[in-house]
C-alpha atoms as a PDB file:
ATOM      1  CA  MET A   1       7.063  70.153 -10.119  1.00  0.00           C
ATOM      2  CA  GLU A   2       7.836  69.656  -6.212  1.00  0.00           C
ATOM      3  CA  SER A   3       9.657  73.126  -6.298  1.00  0.00           C
ATOM      4  CA  LEU A   4       6.496  74.570  -8.463  1.00  0.00           C
ATOM      5  CA  TYR A   5       4.082  74.575  -5.290  1.00  0.00           C
ATOM      6  CA  ILE A   6       6.910  76.588  -3.669  1.00  0.00           C
ATOM      7  CA  LEU A   7       8.150  78.851  -6.284  1.00  0.00           C
ATOM      8  CA  ILE A   8       4.422  80.192  -7.100  1.00  0.00           C
ATOM      9  CA  PRO A   9       3.352  81.555  -3.564  1.00  0.00           C
ATOM     10  CA  LEU A  10       6.606  82.870  -3.005  1.00  0.00           C
ATOM     11  CA  SER A  11       6.286  85.139  -6.512  1.00  0.00           C
ATOM     12  CA  VAL A  12       3.134  85.755  -5.927  1.00  0.00           C
ATOM     13  CA  VAL A  13       4.188  87.041  -2.035  1.00  0.00           C
ATOM     14  CA  LEU A  14       7.114  88.797  -3.697  1.00  0.00           C
ATOM     15  CA  VAL A  15       4.708  91.108  -6.191  1.00  0.00           C
ATOM     16  CA  PHE A  16       2.808  91.561  -3.478  1.00  0.00           C
ATOM     17  CA  VAL A  17       5.298  93.219  -0.905  1.00  0.00           C
ATOM     18  CA  ILE A  18       6.972  95.385  -3.903  1.00  0.00           C
ATOM     19  CA  GLY A  19       3.020  95.997  -4.862  1.00  0.00           C
ATOM     20  CA  LEU A  20       3.180  97.610  -0.912  1.00  0.00           C
ATOM     21  CA  ILE A  21       6.376  98.855  -0.673  1.00  0.00           C
ATOM     22  CA  PHE A  22       5.574 101.415  -4.473  1.00  0.00           C
ATOM     23  CA  TRP A  23       2.211 101.916  -2.750  1.00  0.00           C
ATOM     24  CA  TRP A  24       3.344 103.462  -0.496  1.00  0.00           C
ATOM     25  CA  SER A  25       6.495 105.506  -2.384  1.00  0.00           C
ATOM     26  CA  VAL A  26       3.756 107.043  -4.120  1.00  0.00           C
ATOM     27  CA  ARG A  27       1.937 107.877  -0.782  1.00  0.00           C
ATOM     28  CA  SER A  28       4.690 109.721   0.474  1.00  0.00           C
ATOM     29  CA  GLY A  29       5.568 111.562  -2.034  1.00  0.00           C
ATOM     30  CA  GLN A  30       8.640 110.478  -3.611  1.00  0.00           C
ATOM     31  CA  TYR A  31       7.387 110.741  -7.126  1.00  0.00           C
ATOM     32  CA  ASP A  32       6.184 114.423  -6.594  1.00  0.00           C
ATOM     33  CA  ASP A  33       8.889 116.578  -8.451  1.00  0.00           C
ATOM     34  CA  MET A  34      10.987 115.183 -10.830  1.00  0.00           C
ATOM     35  CA  GLU A  35      12.701 118.261 -12.128  1.00  0.00           C
ATOM     36  CA  GLY A  36      13.406 120.180  -9.109  1.00  0.00           C
ATOM     37  CA  PRO A  37      16.860 118.080  -7.605  1.00  0.00           C
ATOM     38  CA  ALA A  38      18.246 118.177 -11.412  1.00  0.00           C
ATOM     39  CA  TYR A  39      17.952 121.862 -11.401  1.00  0.00           C
ATOM     40  CA  ARG A  40      19.447 121.958  -7.837  1.00  0.00           C
ATOM     41  CA  LEU A  41      22.303 120.053  -8.807  1.00  0.00           C
ATOM     42  CA  LEU A  42      23.031 122.385 -11.463  1.00  0.00           C
ATOM     43  CA  MET A  43      22.770 125.512  -9.022  1.00  0.00           C
ATOM     44  CA  ASP A  44      25.681 126.893  -7.044  1.00  0.00           C
ATOM     45  CA  ASP A  45      25.862 127.701  -3.884  1.00  0.00           C
ATOM     46  CA  ARG A  46      26.711 131.046  -4.004  1.00  0.00           C
ATOM     47  CA  ASP A  47      23.820 131.752  -6.519  1.00  0.00           C
ATOM     48  CA  LYS A  48      20.579 133.002  -4.617  1.00  0.00           C
ATOM     49  CA  PRO A  49      17.356 133.622  -6.409  1.00  0.00           C
ATOM     50  CA  ARG A  50      16.660 137.073  -7.422  1.00  0.00           C
ATOM     51  CA  GLU A  51      14.367 138.032  -5.155  1.00  0.00           C
ATOM     52  CA  GLN A  52      16.790 137.031  -2.296  1.00  0.00           C
ATOM     53  CA  ALA A  53      19.929 138.963  -3.968  1.00  0.00           C
ATOM     54  CA  THR A  54      17.503 142.483  -3.922  1.00  0.00           C
ATOM     55  CA  LEU A  55      16.191 142.537  -0.707  1.00  0.00           C
ATOM     56  CA  ASP A  56      19.940 141.407   0.646  1.00  0.00           C
ATOM     57  CA  ARG A  57      21.235 144.451  -1.394  1.00  0.00           C
ATOM     58  CA  PRO A  58      22.819 147.231   0.891  1.00  0.00           C
ATOM     59  CA  LYS A  59      21.227 150.323   1.031  1.00  0.00           C
ATOM     60  CA  ALA A  60      23.174 153.787  -0.480  1.00  0.00           C
ATOM     61  CA  PRO A  61      24.491 155.665   2.719  1.00  0.00           C
ATOM     62  CA  GLY A  62      22.566 158.178   3.734  1.00  0.00           C
ATOM     63  CA  LYS A  63      19.262 156.817   2.665  1.00  0.00           C
ATOM     64  CA  ASP A  64      17.400 155.472   5.168  1.00  0.00           C
END
């Protein structure tokens, strides 16, 4: 019975700390983009987005 006097307040404090950490992570944007990292993992580093690839294309000789 005496152990409950320690365990119950300890569990309440632990729940409060976990809640604060979760609240901080939500407010700092940790869960904003869930799909972006998965797509970045699959993209090859050599691949460029289409807009960038057309901008980097060399111009034909003789044309300005």
